[in-house]
C-alpha atoms as a PDB file:
ATOM      1  CA  MET A   1     234.816 -83.384  67.190  1.00  0.00           C
ATOM      2  CA  LEU A   2     231.814 -85.362  69.226  1.00  0.00           C
ATOM      3  CA  THR A   3     231.342 -88.877  68.470  1.00  0.00           C
ATOM      4  CA  PHE A   4     227.527 -88.295  67.551  1.00  0.00           C
ATOM      5  CA  ARG A   5     228.397 -85.817  64.741  1.00  0.00           C
ATOM      6  CA  THR A   6     230.480 -88.086  63.045  1.00  0.00           C
ATOM      7  CA  LEU A   7     228.584 -91.025  63.127  1.00  0.00           C
ATOM      8  CA  PHE A   8     225.076 -89.167  61.594  1.00  0.00           C
ATOM      9  CA  HIS A   9     227.433 -87.796  59.149  1.00  0.00           C
ATOM     10  CA  GLN A  10     228.789 -90.983  58.366  1.00  0.00           C
ATOM     11  CA  LEU A  11     225.571 -92.580  58.099  1.00  0.00           C
ATOM     12  CA  ILE A  12     224.250 -89.596  55.557  1.00  0.00           C
ATOM     13  CA  LEU A  13     227.290 -89.731  53.441  1.00  0.00           C
ATOM     14  CA  THR A  14     226.908 -93.382  53.364  1.00  0.00           C
ATOM     15  CA  TYR A  15     223.254 -94.149  52.721  1.00  0.00           C
ATOM     16  CA  ARG A  16     223.043 -92.050  49.431  1.00  0.00           C
ATOM     17  CA  PRO A  17     225.515 -94.080  47.415  1.00  0.00           C
ATOM     18  CA  PHE A  18     224.748 -97.359  49.351  1.00  0.00           C
ATOM     19  CA  GLU A  19     220.692 -96.658  47.653  1.00  0.00           C
ATOM     20  CA  THR A  20     222.156 -95.469  44.402  1.00  0.00           C
ATOM     21  CA  GLN A  21     224.400 -98.444  43.600  1.00  0.00           C
ATOM     22  CA  LEU A  22     221.789-101.311  45.033  1.00  0.00           C
ATOM     23  CA  ASN A  23     219.036 -99.481  42.815  1.00  0.00           C
ATOM     24  CA  GLU A  24     221.685-100.155  40.030  1.00  0.00           C
ATOM     25  CA  LYS A  25     221.611-103.815  41.251  1.00  0.00           C
ATOM     26  CA  LEU A  26     218.119-104.108  41.135  1.00  0.00           C
ATOM     27  CA  ALA A  27     217.708-102.461  38.201  1.00  0.00           C
ATOM     28  CA  THR A  28     218.667-105.245  36.240  1.00  0.00           C
ATOM     29  CA  HIS A  29     215.748-107.044  37.597  1.00  0.00           C
ATOM     30  CA  HIS A  30     213.425-104.567  36.876  1.00  0.00           C
ATOM     31  CA  LEU A  31     212.884-103.279  40.709  1.00  0.00           C
ATOM     32  CA  HIS A  32     213.382-100.447  42.714  1.00  0.00           C
ATOM     33  CA  ARG A  33     214.530-100.491  46.299  1.00  0.00           C
ATOM     34  CA  THR A  34     211.231 -99.606  47.935  1.00  0.00           C
ATOM     35  CA  GLU A  35     209.925-102.594  46.192  1.00  0.00           C
ATOM     36  CA  TRP A  36     212.725-104.822  47.358  1.00  0.00           C
ATOM     37  CA  SER A  37     212.153-103.573  50.566  1.00  0.00           C
ATOM     38  CA  ILE A  38     208.597-104.597  50.527  1.00  0.00           C
ATOM     39  CA  LEU A  39     209.174-107.887  49.013  1.00  0.00           C
ATOM     40  CA  TYR A  40     211.637-108.615  51.859  1.00  0.00           C
ATOM     41  CA  TYR A  41     209.446-107.598  54.574  1.00  0.00           C
ATOM     42  CA  LEU A  42     206.738-109.371  53.271  1.00  0.00           C
ATOM     43  CA  VAL A  43     209.049-113.049  52.799  1.00  0.00           C
ATOM     44  CA  THR A  44     210.276-112.357  56.331  1.00  0.00           C
ATOM     45  CA  SER A  45     206.869-111.752  57.664  1.00  0.00           C
ATOM     46  CA  GLU A  46     204.919-113.970  55.871  1.00  0.00           C
ATOM     47  CA  SER A  47     202.012-111.093  55.427  1.00  0.00           C
ATOM     48  CA  MET A  48     201.391-107.592  56.278  1.00  0.00           C
ATOM     49  CA  THR A  49     198.656-105.158  56.024  1.00  0.00           C
ATOM     50  CA  LEU A  50     199.497-102.133  53.923  1.00  0.00           C
ATOM     51  CA  VAL A  51     199.175 -99.915  57.061  1.00  0.00           C
ATOM     52  CA  GLU A  52     201.500-101.973  58.956  1.00  0.00           C
ATOM     53  CA  ILE A  53     203.998-101.595  55.791  1.00  0.00           C
ATOM     54  CA  ALA A  54     203.686 -98.228  55.785  1.00  0.00           C
ATOM     55  CA  LYS A  55     204.454 -97.929  59.528  1.00  0.00           C
ATOM     56  CA  LEU A  56     207.774-100.043  59.224  1.00  0.00           C
ATOM     57  CA  LEU A  57     208.823 -98.166  56.303  1.00  0.00           C
ATOM     58  CA  SER A  58     208.167 -94.718  57.581  1.00  0.00           C
ATOM     59  CA  VAL A  59     206.318 -93.489  54.853  1.00  0.00           C
ATOM     60  CA  GLU A  60     202.530 -92.679  54.056  1.00  0.00           C
ATOM     61  CA  LYS A  61     200.165 -95.244  52.985  1.00  0.00           C
ATOM     62  CA  PRO A  62     199.403 -94.261  49.707  1.00  0.00           C
ATOM     63  CA  ASN A  63     202.903 -94.726  48.897  1.00  0.00           C
ATOM     64  CA  VAL A  64     203.034 -98.011  50.213  1.00  0.00           C
ATOM     65  CA  THR A  65     199.766 -98.749  48.004  1.00  0.00           C
ATOM     66  CA  ARG A  66     201.176 -97.446  44.728  1.00  0.00           C
ATOM     67  CA  THR A  67     204.437 -99.548  45.253  1.00  0.00           C
ATOM     68  CA  MET A  68     201.991-102.534  46.420  1.00  0.00           C
ATOM     69  CA  LYS A  69     200.270-102.267  43.073  1.00  0.00           C
ATOM     70  CA  SER A  70     203.071-102.275  40.904  1.00  0.00           C
ATOM     71  CA  LEU A  71     204.083-105.366  42.580  1.00  0.00           C
ATOM     72  CA  ALA A  72     200.867-107.142  42.289  1.00  0.00           C
ATOM     73  CA  GLU A  73     200.396-106.038  38.590  1.00  0.00           C
ATOM     74  CA  ARG A  74     203.479-107.877  38.188  1.00  0.00           C
ATOM     75  CA  GLY A  75     202.124-111.020  39.984  1.00  0.00           C
ATOM     76  CA  TYR A  76     204.621-110.903  42.797  1.00  0.00           C
ATOM     77  CA  VAL A  77     202.249-110.292  45.549  1.00  0.00           C
ATOM     78  CA  GLU A  78     198.240-110.417  46.260  1.00  0.00           C
ATOM     79  CA  ALA A  79     195.893-109.619  48.825  1.00  0.00           C
ATOM     80  CA  LYS A  80     194.332-111.903  51.082  1.00  0.00           C
ATOM     81  CA  THR A  81     191.376-110.970  53.400  1.00  0.00           C
ATOM     82  CA  GLY A  82     191.985-111.393  57.133  1.00  0.00           C
ATOM     83  CA  GLN A  83     189.707-112.057  60.026  1.00  0.00           C
ATOM     84  CA  ASP A  84     188.267-108.383  59.639  1.00  0.00           C
ATOM     85  CA  LYS A  85     187.037-108.506  56.020  1.00  0.00           C
ATOM     86  CA  ARG A  86     188.196-105.195  55.628  1.00  0.00           C
ATOM     87  CA  GLU A  87     191.783-105.745  56.403  1.00  0.00           C
ATOM     88  CA  LYS A  88     193.880-106.970  53.689  1.00  0.00           C
ATOM     89  CA  HIS A  89     196.999-108.975  54.176  1.00  0.00           C
ATOM     90  CA  MET A  90     199.605-108.744  51.843  1.00  0.00           C
ATOM     91  CA  VAL A  91     201.100-111.832  50.537  1.00  0.00           C
ATOM     92  CA  VAL A  92     204.061-113.010  48.353  1.00  0.00           C
ATOM     93  CA  THR A  93     203.118-115.364  45.440  1.00  0.00           C
ATOM     94  CA  ALA A  94     204.999-118.149  44.274  1.00  0.00           C
ATOM     95  CA  LYS A  95     205.944-115.947  41.355  1.00  0.00           C
ATOM     96  CA  GLY A  96     206.951-113.197  43.777  1.00  0.00           C
ATOM     97  CA  MET A  97     209.341-115.559  45.686  1.00  0.00           C
ATOM     98  CA  GLU A  98     210.909-116.763  42.346  1.00  0.00           C
ATOM     99  CA  ILE A  99     211.879-113.238  41.665  1.00  0.00           C
ATOM    100  CA  TYR A 100     212.770-112.739  45.307  1.00  0.00           C
ATOM    101  CA  ASN A 101     214.896-115.560  45.559  1.00  0.00           C
ATOM    102  CA  GLU A 102     216.676-114.544  42.190  1.00  0.00           C
ATOM    103  CA  ILE A 103     217.020-111.159  43.406  1.00  0.00           C
ATOM    104  CA  ARG A 104     218.298-112.372  47.074  1.00  0.00           C
ATOM    105  CA  ILE A 105     221.290-113.920  45.387  1.00  0.00           C
ATOM    106  CA  THR A 106     222.458-110.142  43.669  1.00  0.00           C
ATOM    107  CA  VAL A 107     221.658-108.337  46.654  1.00  0.00           C
ATOM    108  CA  ASP A 108     223.676-111.031  49.099  1.00  0.00           C
ATOM    109  CA  ALA A 109     226.629-110.447  46.799  1.00  0.00           C
ATOM    110  CA  PHE A 110     226.078-106.601  46.959  1.00  0.00           C
ATOM    111  CA  GLU A 111     225.693-106.327  50.512  1.00  0.00           C
ATOM    112  CA  GLN A 112     228.848-108.712  51.233  1.00  0.00           C
ATOM    113  CA  GLN A 113     231.134-106.753  49.258  1.00  0.00           C
ATOM    114  CA  MET A 114     230.102-103.458  51.007  1.00  0.00           C
ATOM    115  CA  LEU A 115     230.732-105.299  53.989  1.00  0.00           C
ATOM    116  CA  ALA A 116     234.133-106.550  53.029  1.00  0.00           C
ATOM    117  CA  GLY A 117     236.836-106.792  55.829  1.00  0.00           C
ATOM    118  CA  ILE A 118     234.423-106.134  58.565  1.00  0.00           C
ATOM    119  CA  PRO A 119     234.249-108.603  61.190  1.00  0.00           C
ATOM    120  CA  GLU A 120     231.291-110.252  61.974  1.00  0.00           C
ATOM    121  CA  ASP A 121     230.991-109.219  65.694  1.00  0.00           C
ATOM    122  CA  GLU A 122     231.319-105.667  64.278  1.00  0.00           C
ATOM    123  CA  GLN A 123     228.606-105.948  61.962  1.00  0.00           C
ATOM    124  CA  LEU A 124     226.351-107.342  64.889  1.00  0.00           C
ATOM    125  CA  ALA A 125     227.441-104.227  67.312  1.00  0.00           C
ATOM    126  CA  PHE A 126     226.302-102.015  64.154  1.00  0.00           C
ATOM    127  CA  ILE A 127     223.005-103.717  63.987  1.00  0.00           C
ATOM    128  CA  GLN A 128     222.502-103.232  67.458  1.00  0.00           C
ATOM    129  CA  THR A 129     223.460 -99.736  67.806  1.00  0.00           C
ATOM    130  CA  MET A 130     221.148 -98.835  64.688  1.00  0.00           C
ATOM    131  CA  GLN A 131     218.283-100.631  66.046  1.00  0.00           C
ATOM    132  CA  LYS A 132     218.288 -98.629  69.163  1.00  0.00           C
ATOM    133  CA  ILE A 133     218.744 -95.496  67.162  1.00  0.00           C
ATOM    134  CA  ARG A 134     215.707 -96.349  65.198  1.00  0.00           C
ATOM    135  CA  GLY A 135     213.658 -97.353  68.737  1.00  0.00           C
ATOM    136  CA  ASN A 136     214.715 -93.669  69.778  1.00  0.00           C
ATOM    137  CA  LEU A 137     213.498 -92.072  66.736  1.00  0.00           C
ATOM    138  CA  LEU A 138     210.000 -93.724  66.969  1.00  0.00           C
ATOM    139  CA  ASN A 139     209.349 -93.394  70.402  1.00  0.00           C
ATOM    140  CA  ARG A 140     209.922 -89.651  70.379  1.00  0.00           C
END
């Protein structure tokens, strides 16, 4: 069998149970994977616009707007006006940072469990491969 067929089928077979189990972990913190992803990217980027987040996650802006509204209602994020007054940059609040750090412990433990027995060099090679595949998908 051709390697690429196996690779993509393995990716599909892995993604669903990973997302399901991650959502179970996040549910204990009253969060969903999409909300977690947005918090993660806001923490690592310091601020992003709704359009930037939608593009990064490859979803429609209304989906990001709804998720952001939910996070803002809980006090985890807030909008800051950028240089262009029409453009709102979303940032994580102190409360959001507190919950992020709490959830980070749960997610780190889960992810480390998923990577048990896989050497770091293999993990890095997989990250690079996935980045290249994403680049190929987005540059079509």
